Amino acid sequence: MEFKITEMTTLDMKVEYDDGTWASIPSSVGEDKTYYLTMIQRYQPKPTTEVSLADHPMKIGDEGTVGEGVPEDDSAPSEYDYGAARAVCYPTIGLQFDALYHARNGDSSKQTAIDAHIAMVKAKFPNDSTMYSLSALDTALTELKADSKWVDD
């Protein structure tokens, strides 16, 4: 399907498709052309089959609250092993790289803090067969964040 960008603002761009449909694609800071081409592809119209208005579950005048009536996403796992639990609690890769950079330039204080943070997480979630519920993981994360060894962005 062919497309043409017909309007652009600092917030979005209007893309018209050759079947007469169009989409408003939000702008996103720092994204490249590939990102926008992907969004144009995702927003393109999908083939549809007509639905009789009598059979349609929604009617003109229906109102509601956004999100109400939508089932909770149950695709998330109900339990997490030590590796998944650790991954949630480790310092971000960005913080770890920043600490490495400073350590290579003679200041190991950030690396020492990152190492203490990682050691704390490893102690909280040992390498064993224990499975953690989402509730247990949330509780552990709250406890870890209260510790002085926790490193924030």
N, C-alpha and C. Protein backbone atom coordinates (compact mmCIF):
# COMPACT_ATOMS: atom_id res chain seq x y z
N MET A 1 0.85 -1.18 0.00
CA MET A 1 0.00 0.00 0.00
C MET A 1 0.89 1.24 0.00
N GLU A 2 0.55 2.20 -0.78
CA GLU A 2 1.31 3.45 -0.88
C GLU A 2 0.85 4.41 0.21
N PHE A 3 1.73 5.35 0.58
CA PHE A 3 1.37 6.39 1.55
C PHE A 3 1.97 7.72 1.13
N LYS A 4 1.42 8.79 1.72
CA LYS A 4 1.95 10.12 1.48
C LYS A 4 1.76 10.92 2.76
N ILE A 5 2.81 11.60 3.20
CA ILE A 5 2.70 12.48 4.37
C ILE A 5 2.12 13.80 3.86
N THR A 6 0.97 14.19 4.43
CA THR A 6 0.27 15.38 3.92
C THR A 6 0.28 16.55 4.89
N GLU A 7 0.55 16.31 6.17
CA GLU A 7 0.63 17.40 7.14
C GLU A 7 1.65 17.02 8.20
N MET A 8 2.32 18.02 8.76
CA MET A 8 3.25 17.77 9.87
C MET A 8 3.18 18.92 10.85
N THR A 9 3.18 18.58 12.14
CA THR A 9 3.32 19.56 13.20
C THR A 9 4.43 19.06 14.12
N THR A 10 4.71 19.80 15.15
CA THR A 10 5.72 19.34 16.12
C THR A 10 5.20 18.17 16.95
N LEU A 11 3.90 17.93 16.91
CA LEU A 11 3.31 16.85 17.71
C LEU A 11 3.03 15.57 16.93
N ASP A 12 2.73 15.71 15.61
CA ASP A 12 2.38 14.53 14.84
C ASP A 12 2.49 14.81 13.35
N MET A 13 2.22 13.75 12.58
CA MET A 13 2.16 13.91 11.13
C MET A 13 0.96 13.12 10.62
N LYS A 14 0.33 13.66 9.59
CA LYS A 14 -0.81 12.99 8.98
C LYS A 14 -0.31 12.22 7.77
N VAL A 15 -0.64 10.94 7.75
CA VAL A 15 -0.24 10.06 6.66
C VAL A 15 -1.50 9.59 5.95
N GLU A 16 -1.57 9.81 4.65
CA GLU A 16 -2.71 9.34 3.88
C GLU A 16 -2.28 8.11 3.09
N TYR A 17 -3.14 7.09 3.12
CA TYR A 17 -2.87 5.84 2.41
C TYR A 17 -3.65 5.84 1.09
N ASP A 18 -3.20 5.03 0.14
CA ASP A 18 -3.80 5.07 -1.19
C ASP A 18 -5.24 4.54 -1.25
N ASP A 19 -5.73 3.96 -0.16
CA ASP A 19 -7.13 3.52 -0.15
C ASP A 19 -8.06 4.61 0.38
N GLY A 20 -7.51 5.81 0.64
CA GLY A 20 -8.31 6.93 1.11
C GLY A 20 -8.33 7.09 2.62
N THR A 21 -7.78 6.15 3.37
CA THR A 21 -7.73 6.27 4.83
C THR A 21 -6.51 7.09 5.22
N TRP A 22 -6.48 7.52 6.45
CA TRP A 22 -5.35 8.28 6.94
C TRP A 22 -5.10 7.96 8.40
N ALA A 23 -3.91 8.34 8.88
CA ALA A 23 -3.54 8.11 10.28
C ALA A 23 -2.75 9.31 10.77
N SER A 24 -2.89 9.59 12.05
CA SER A 24 -2.10 10.61 12.72
C SER A 24 -1.02 9.89 13.52
N ILE A 25 0.24 10.07 13.13
CA ILE A 25 1.36 9.39 13.76
C ILE A 25 2.05 10.36 14.71
N PRO A 26 2.05 10.05 16.02
CA PRO A 26 2.67 10.96 16.98
C PRO A 26 4.16 11.12 16.76
N SER A 27 4.67 12.33 16.97
CA SER A 27 6.10 12.58 16.90
C SER A 27 6.75 12.08 18.18
N SER A 28 7.99 11.64 18.08
CA SER A 28 8.71 11.13 19.24
C SER A 28 10.15 11.62 19.17
N VAL A 29 10.60 12.30 20.21
CA VAL A 29 11.95 12.88 20.25
C VAL A 29 13.01 11.79 20.09
N GLY A 30 13.96 12.04 19.23
CA GLY A 30 15.11 11.16 19.10
C GLY A 30 14.91 9.96 18.18
N GLU A 31 13.74 9.82 17.59
CA GLU A 31 13.50 8.67 16.73
C GLU A 31 14.00 8.95 15.31
N ASP A 32 14.39 7.89 14.61
CA ASP A 32 14.90 8.05 13.26
C ASP A 32 13.84 7.68 12.22
N LYS A 33 14.23 7.76 10.96
CA LYS A 33 13.30 7.51 9.86
C LYS A 33 12.74 6.09 9.93
N THR A 34 13.55 5.12 10.30
CA THR A 34 13.09 3.73 10.40
C THR A 34 11.93 3.61 11.38
N TYR A 35 12.02 4.32 12.50
CA TYR A 35 10.94 4.30 13.49
C TYR A 35 9.64 4.77 12.85
N TYR A 36 9.70 5.90 12.13
CA TYR A 36 8.49 6.45 11.53
C TYR A 36 7.95 5.56 10.41
N LEU A 37 8.83 4.95 9.63
CA LEU A 37 8.37 4.02 8.60
C LEU A 37 7.67 2.82 9.24
N THR A 38 8.19 2.38 10.37
CA THR A 38 7.55 1.28 11.10
C THR A 38 6.17 1.71 11.60
N MET A 39 6.07 2.93 12.13
CA MET A 39 4.77 3.43 12.61
C MET A 39 3.78 3.57 11.46
N ILE A 40 4.25 4.04 10.32
CA ILE A 40 3.38 4.16 9.14
C ILE A 40 2.85 2.78 8.76
N GLN A 41 3.70 1.78 8.82
CA GLN A 41 3.27 0.42 8.51
C GLN A 41 2.26 -0.08 9.55
N ARG A 42 2.53 0.15 10.84
CA ARG A 42 1.63 -0.32 11.90
C ARG A 42 0.26 0.36 11.85
N TYR A 43 0.25 1.62 11.47
CA TYR A 43 -1.00 2.38 11.45
C TYR A 43 -1.82 2.15 10.18
N GLN A 44 -1.23 1.50 9.18
CA GLN A 44 -1.96 1.33 7.92
C GLN A 44 -3.25 0.56 8.16
N PRO A 45 -4.25 0.81 7.36
CA PRO A 45 -5.54 0.13 7.55
C PRO A 45 -5.40 -1.37 7.32
N LYS A 46 -6.13 -2.10 8.12
CA LYS A 46 -6.15 -3.55 7.99
C LYS A 46 -7.43 -3.94 7.26
N PRO A 47 -7.38 -5.01 6.48
CA PRO A 47 -8.60 -5.45 5.80
C PRO A 47 -9.70 -5.74 6.82
N THR A 48 -10.89 -5.29 6.52
CA THR A 48 -12.00 -5.51 7.44
C THR A 48 -13.17 -6.15 6.72
N THR A 49 -14.02 -6.74 7.52
CA THR A 49 -15.26 -7.31 7.02
C THR A 49 -16.39 -6.51 7.63
N GLU A 50 -17.37 -6.17 6.82
CA GLU A 50 -18.50 -5.39 7.33
C GLU A 50 -19.22 -6.15 8.43
N VAL A 51 -19.67 -5.41 9.44
CA VAL A 51 -20.45 -5.97 10.54
C VAL A 51 -21.80 -5.27 10.52
N SER A 52 -22.83 -6.05 10.53
CA SER A 52 -24.18 -5.48 10.58
C SER A 52 -24.31 -4.62 11.82
N LEU A 53 -24.89 -3.44 11.68
CA LEU A 53 -25.05 -2.56 12.85
C LEU A 53 -25.89 -3.22 13.93
N ALA A 54 -26.82 -4.07 13.54
CA ALA A 54 -27.64 -4.78 14.53
C ALA A 54 -26.79 -5.77 15.33
N ASP A 55 -25.71 -6.29 14.72
CA ASP A 55 -24.86 -7.26 15.39
C ASP A 55 -23.67 -6.63 16.11
N HIS A 56 -23.45 -5.34 15.91
CA HIS A 56 -22.29 -4.66 16.50
C HIS A 56 -22.51 -4.49 18.00
N PRO A 57 -21.50 -4.81 18.82
CA PRO A 57 -21.67 -4.69 20.27
C PRO A 57 -21.69 -3.25 20.78
N MET A 58 -21.22 -2.30 19.99
CA MET A 58 -21.23 -0.89 20.38
C MET A 58 -22.33 -0.18 19.60
N LYS A 59 -22.93 0.82 20.23
CA LYS A 59 -24.02 1.57 19.59
C LYS A 59 -23.73 3.07 19.69
N ILE A 60 -24.28 3.84 18.78
CA ILE A 60 -24.15 5.30 18.84
C ILE A 60 -24.73 5.76 20.18
N GLY A 61 -23.99 6.61 20.85
CA GLY A 61 -24.43 7.14 22.14
C GLY A 61 -23.81 6.41 23.32
N ASP A 62 -23.17 5.24 23.08
CA ASP A 62 -22.51 4.54 24.19
C ASP A 62 -21.46 5.45 24.81
N GLU A 63 -21.35 5.40 26.12
CA GLU A 63 -20.37 6.18 26.86
C GLU A 63 -19.67 5.28 27.86
N GLY A 64 -18.58 5.74 28.38
CA GLY A 64 -17.87 4.96 29.39
C GLY A 64 -16.58 5.63 29.77
N THR A 65 -15.83 4.95 30.60
CA THR A 65 -14.53 5.41 31.04
C THR A 65 -13.47 4.60 30.30
N VAL A 66 -12.46 5.27 29.76
CA VAL A 66 -11.41 4.59 29.01
C VAL A 66 -10.77 3.52 29.89
N GLY A 67 -10.69 2.32 29.38
CA GLY A 67 -10.09 1.21 30.11
C GLY A 67 -11.10 0.36 30.86
N GLU A 68 -12.26 0.93 31.15
CA GLU A 68 -13.29 0.18 31.88
C GLU A 68 -13.86 -0.90 30.97
N GLY A 69 -14.00 -2.10 31.49
CA GLY A 69 -14.53 -3.20 30.71
C GLY A 69 -13.47 -3.95 29.92
N VAL A 70 -12.23 -3.48 29.97
CA VAL A 70 -11.14 -4.17 29.29
C VAL A 70 -10.50 -5.11 30.30
N PRO A 71 -10.43 -6.40 29.98
CA PRO A 71 -9.85 -7.34 30.95
C PRO A 71 -8.39 -7.02 31.23
N GLU A 72 -7.98 -7.33 32.44
CA GLU A 72 -6.58 -7.12 32.82
C GLU A 72 -5.69 -7.99 31.95
N ASP A 73 -4.50 -7.51 31.66
CA ASP A 73 -3.55 -8.26 30.85
C ASP A 73 -3.02 -9.43 31.67
N ASP A 74 -3.41 -10.62 31.30
CA ASP A 74 -2.96 -11.80 32.05
C ASP A 74 -1.80 -12.50 31.34
N SER A 75 -1.18 -11.80 30.40
CA SER A 75 -0.06 -12.40 29.67
C SER A 75 1.24 -12.34 30.49
N ALA A 76 1.25 -11.50 31.53
CA ALA A 76 2.44 -11.42 32.37
C ALA A 76 2.54 -12.70 33.20
N PRO A 77 3.75 -13.18 33.42
CA PRO A 77 3.88 -14.41 34.22
C PRO A 77 3.40 -14.18 35.65
N SER A 78 2.90 -15.23 36.26
CA SER A 78 2.41 -15.12 37.63
C SER A 78 3.55 -15.31 38.63
N GLU A 79 4.65 -15.93 38.18
CA GLU A 79 5.80 -16.13 39.04
C GLU A 79 7.08 -15.83 38.28
N TYR A 80 8.11 -15.44 39.03
CA TYR A 80 9.38 -15.05 38.44
C TYR A 80 10.50 -15.83 39.11
N ASP A 81 11.46 -16.32 38.32
CA ASP A 81 12.61 -16.98 38.91
C ASP A 81 13.63 -15.93 39.36
N TYR A 82 14.73 -16.39 39.97
CA TYR A 82 15.72 -15.45 40.50
C TYR A 82 16.28 -14.53 39.41
N GLY A 83 16.48 -15.05 38.21
CA GLY A 83 17.06 -14.24 37.13
C GLY A 83 16.15 -13.10 36.72
N ALA A 84 14.86 -13.38 36.58
CA ALA A 84 13.90 -12.33 36.21
C ALA A 84 13.78 -11.32 37.34
N ALA A 85 13.77 -11.81 38.57
CA ALA A 85 13.67 -10.91 39.73
C ALA A 85 14.89 -9.99 39.80
N ARG A 86 16.06 -10.55 39.58
CA ARG A 86 17.28 -9.73 39.60
C ARG A 86 17.25 -8.68 38.49
N ALA A 87 16.80 -9.08 37.30
CA ALA A 87 16.79 -8.17 36.16
C ALA A 87 15.96 -6.92 36.45
N VAL A 88 14.88 -7.08 37.19
CA VAL A 88 14.02 -5.95 37.53
C VAL A 88 14.74 -5.00 38.49
N CYS A 89 15.61 -5.56 39.33
CA CYS A 89 16.20 -4.79 40.43
C CYS A 89 17.62 -4.28 40.17
N TYR A 90 18.27 -4.80 39.16
CA TYR A 90 19.64 -4.35 38.88
C TYR A 90 19.65 -2.88 38.44
N PRO A 91 20.79 -2.20 38.63
CA PRO A 91 20.92 -0.84 38.09
C PRO A 91 20.78 -0.89 36.57
N THR A 92 20.33 0.20 35.99
CA THR A 92 20.17 0.23 34.54
C THR A 92 21.52 0.05 33.85
N ILE A 93 21.46 -0.41 32.63
CA ILE A 93 22.69 -0.57 31.83
C ILE A 93 23.40 0.78 31.69
N GLY A 94 22.62 1.83 31.53
CA GLY A 94 23.21 3.16 31.41
C GLY A 94 24.04 3.53 32.63
N LEU A 95 23.50 3.26 33.82
CA LEU A 95 24.25 3.55 35.05
C LEU A 95 25.51 2.68 35.13
N GLN A 96 25.39 1.42 34.73
CA GLN A 96 26.56 0.54 34.78
C GLN A 96 27.65 1.00 33.82
N PHE A 97 27.24 1.41 32.61
CA PHE A 97 28.24 1.92 31.64
C PHE A 97 28.87 3.21 32.13
N ASP A 98 28.07 4.08 32.73
CA ASP A 98 28.60 5.34 33.25
C ASP A 98 29.64 5.06 34.33
N ALA A 99 29.34 4.10 35.22
CA ALA A 99 30.29 3.74 36.28
C ALA A 99 31.58 3.18 35.69
N LEU A 100 31.45 2.35 34.66
CA LEU A 100 32.65 1.80 34.01
C LEU A 100 33.49 2.91 33.39
N TYR A 101 32.85 3.86 32.74
CA TYR A 101 33.55 4.99 32.12
C TYR A 101 34.36 5.74 33.18
N HIS A 102 33.70 6.08 34.29
CA HIS A 102 34.40 6.83 35.34
C HIS A 102 35.52 6.01 35.96
N ALA A 103 35.31 4.69 36.13
CA ALA A 103 36.35 3.83 36.69
C ALA A 103 37.57 3.78 35.78
N ARG A 104 37.32 3.71 34.47
CA ARG A 104 38.45 3.70 33.52
C ARG A 104 39.21 5.01 33.54
N ASN A 105 38.56 6.07 34.00
CA ASN A 105 39.22 7.38 34.06
C ASN A 105 39.66 7.73 35.47
N GLY A 106 39.79 6.72 36.33
CA GLY A 106 40.41 6.92 37.64
C GLY A 106 39.46 7.12 38.81
N ASP A 107 38.15 7.23 38.60
CA ASP A 107 37.20 7.42 39.70
C ASP A 107 36.34 6.16 39.83
N SER A 108 36.67 5.31 40.79
CA SER A 108 35.96 4.05 40.95
C SER A 108 34.77 4.14 41.91
N SER A 109 34.44 5.33 42.40
CA SER A 109 33.37 5.46 43.40
C SER A 109 32.02 5.00 42.85
N LYS A 110 31.71 5.36 41.60
CA LYS A 110 30.43 4.93 41.02
C LYS A 110 30.41 3.42 40.80
N GLN A 111 31.55 2.86 40.37
CA GLN A 111 31.62 1.41 40.15
C GLN A 111 31.46 0.67 41.47
N THR A 112 32.05 1.19 42.53
CA THR A 112 31.92 0.58 43.86
C THR A 112 30.46 0.58 44.30
N ALA A 113 29.76 1.69 44.05
CA ALA A 113 28.34 1.79 44.41
C ALA A 113 27.50 0.81 43.58
N ILE A 114 27.78 0.72 42.28
CA ILE A 114 27.05 -0.21 41.41
C ILE A 114 27.29 -1.65 41.88
N ASP A 115 28.54 -1.98 42.20
CA ASP A 115 28.86 -3.33 42.66
C ASP A 115 28.13 -3.66 43.96
N ALA A 116 28.03 -2.69 44.88
CA ALA A 116 27.31 -2.91 46.14
C ALA A 116 25.82 -3.14 45.86
N HIS A 117 25.27 -2.38 44.94
CA HIS A 117 23.86 -2.53 44.56
C HIS A 117 23.63 -3.94 44.01
N ILE A 118 24.47 -4.37 43.07
CA ILE A 118 24.32 -5.69 42.47
C ILE A 118 24.46 -6.79 43.52
N ALA A 119 25.42 -6.66 44.42
CA ALA A 119 25.61 -7.65 45.49
C ALA A 119 24.37 -7.73 46.38
N MET A 120 23.76 -6.59 46.66
CA MET A 120 22.55 -6.55 47.49
C MET A 120 21.41 -7.30 46.78
N VAL A 121 21.27 -7.09 45.48
CA VAL A 121 20.20 -7.76 44.71
C VAL A 121 20.47 -9.26 44.66
N LYS A 122 21.71 -9.66 44.43
CA LYS A 122 22.05 -11.08 44.39
C LYS A 122 21.76 -11.74 45.74
N ALA A 123 22.02 -11.05 46.84
CA ALA A 123 21.72 -11.61 48.16
C ALA A 123 20.21 -11.75 48.38
N LYS A 124 19.45 -10.81 47.85
CA LYS A 124 17.99 -10.83 48.00
C LYS A 124 17.37 -11.97 47.19
N PHE A 125 17.95 -12.22 45.99
CA PHE A 125 17.43 -13.25 45.09
C PHE A 125 18.55 -14.23 44.76
N PRO A 126 18.82 -15.19 45.66
CA PRO A 126 19.91 -16.14 45.41
C PRO A 126 19.61 -17.05 44.21
N ASN A 127 20.67 -17.58 43.65
CA ASN A 127 20.57 -18.47 42.50
C ASN A 127 20.06 -19.83 42.97
N ASP A 128 18.75 -19.96 43.03
CA ASP A 128 18.13 -21.22 43.43
C ASP A 128 16.79 -21.38 42.69
N SER A 129 16.01 -22.32 43.10
CA SER A 129 14.76 -22.62 42.38
C SER A 129 13.54 -21.88 42.94
N THR A 130 13.76 -20.94 43.84
CA THR A 130 12.64 -20.18 44.41
C THR A 130 11.94 -19.39 43.32
N MET A 131 10.62 -19.41 43.36
CA MET A 131 9.81 -18.62 42.43
C MET A 131 9.18 -17.49 43.24
N TYR A 132 9.11 -16.29 42.66
CA TYR A 132 8.60 -15.11 43.35
C TYR A 132 7.33 -14.64 42.67
N SER A 133 6.29 -14.40 43.48
CA SER A 133 5.05 -13.84 42.94
C SER A 133 5.29 -12.36 42.64
N LEU A 134 4.40 -11.76 41.86
CA LEU A 134 4.53 -10.34 41.56
C LEU A 134 4.47 -9.53 42.85
N SER A 135 3.60 -9.93 43.77
CA SER A 135 3.49 -9.24 45.05
C SER A 135 4.79 -9.33 45.84
N ALA A 136 5.38 -10.52 45.88
CA ALA A 136 6.65 -10.70 46.60
C ALA A 136 7.77 -9.89 45.94
N LEU A 137 7.75 -9.85 44.61
CA LEU A 137 8.75 -9.07 43.89
C LEU A 137 8.59 -7.58 44.17
N ASP A 138 7.36 -7.09 44.19
CA ASP A 138 7.10 -5.68 44.51
C ASP A 138 7.57 -5.35 45.93
N THR A 139 7.28 -6.24 46.87
CA THR A 139 7.70 -6.02 48.27
C THR A 139 9.22 -5.98 48.37
N ALA A 140 9.88 -6.93 47.71
CA ALA A 140 11.34 -6.97 47.74
C ALA A 140 11.94 -5.72 47.10
N LEU A 141 11.35 -5.28 46.01
CA LEU A 141 11.84 -4.07 45.33
C LEU A 141 11.72 -2.85 46.24
N THR A 142 10.61 -2.74 46.95
CA THR A 142 10.42 -1.63 47.90
C THR A 142 11.48 -1.68 48.99
N GLU A 143 11.74 -2.87 49.51
CA GLU A 143 12.77 -3.03 50.56
C GLU A 143 14.15 -2.66 50.02
N LEU A 144 14.47 -3.13 48.83
CA LEU A 144 15.78 -2.83 48.24
C LEU A 144 15.96 -1.34 48.02
N LYS A 145 14.91 -0.68 47.53
CA LYS A 145 15.01 0.77 47.28
C LYS A 145 15.23 1.57 48.55
N ALA A 146 14.81 1.02 49.70
CA ALA A 146 14.99 1.71 50.98
C ALA A 146 16.42 1.56 51.51
N ASP A 147 17.17 0.64 50.96
CA ASP A 147 18.54 0.40 51.41
C ASP A 147 19.46 1.48 50.85
N SER A 148 20.43 1.89 51.65
CA SER A 148 21.36 2.95 51.23
C SER A 148 22.25 2.52 50.06
N LYS A 149 22.33 1.22 49.80
CA LYS A 149 23.15 0.73 48.68
C LYS A 149 22.42 0.85 47.34
N TRP A 150 21.14 1.17 47.35
CA TRP A 150 20.37 1.31 46.12
C TRP A 150 20.90 2.50 45.32
N VAL A 151 21.18 2.31 44.05
CA VAL A 151 21.69 3.38 43.18
C VAL A 151 20.57 3.79 42.24
N ASP A 152 20.21 5.07 42.25
CA ASP A 152 19.16 5.59 41.36
C ASP A 152 19.79 6.35 40.22
N ASP A 153 18.99 6.55 39.17
CA ASP A 153 19.44 7.32 38.00
C ASP A 153 19.85 8.71 38.38
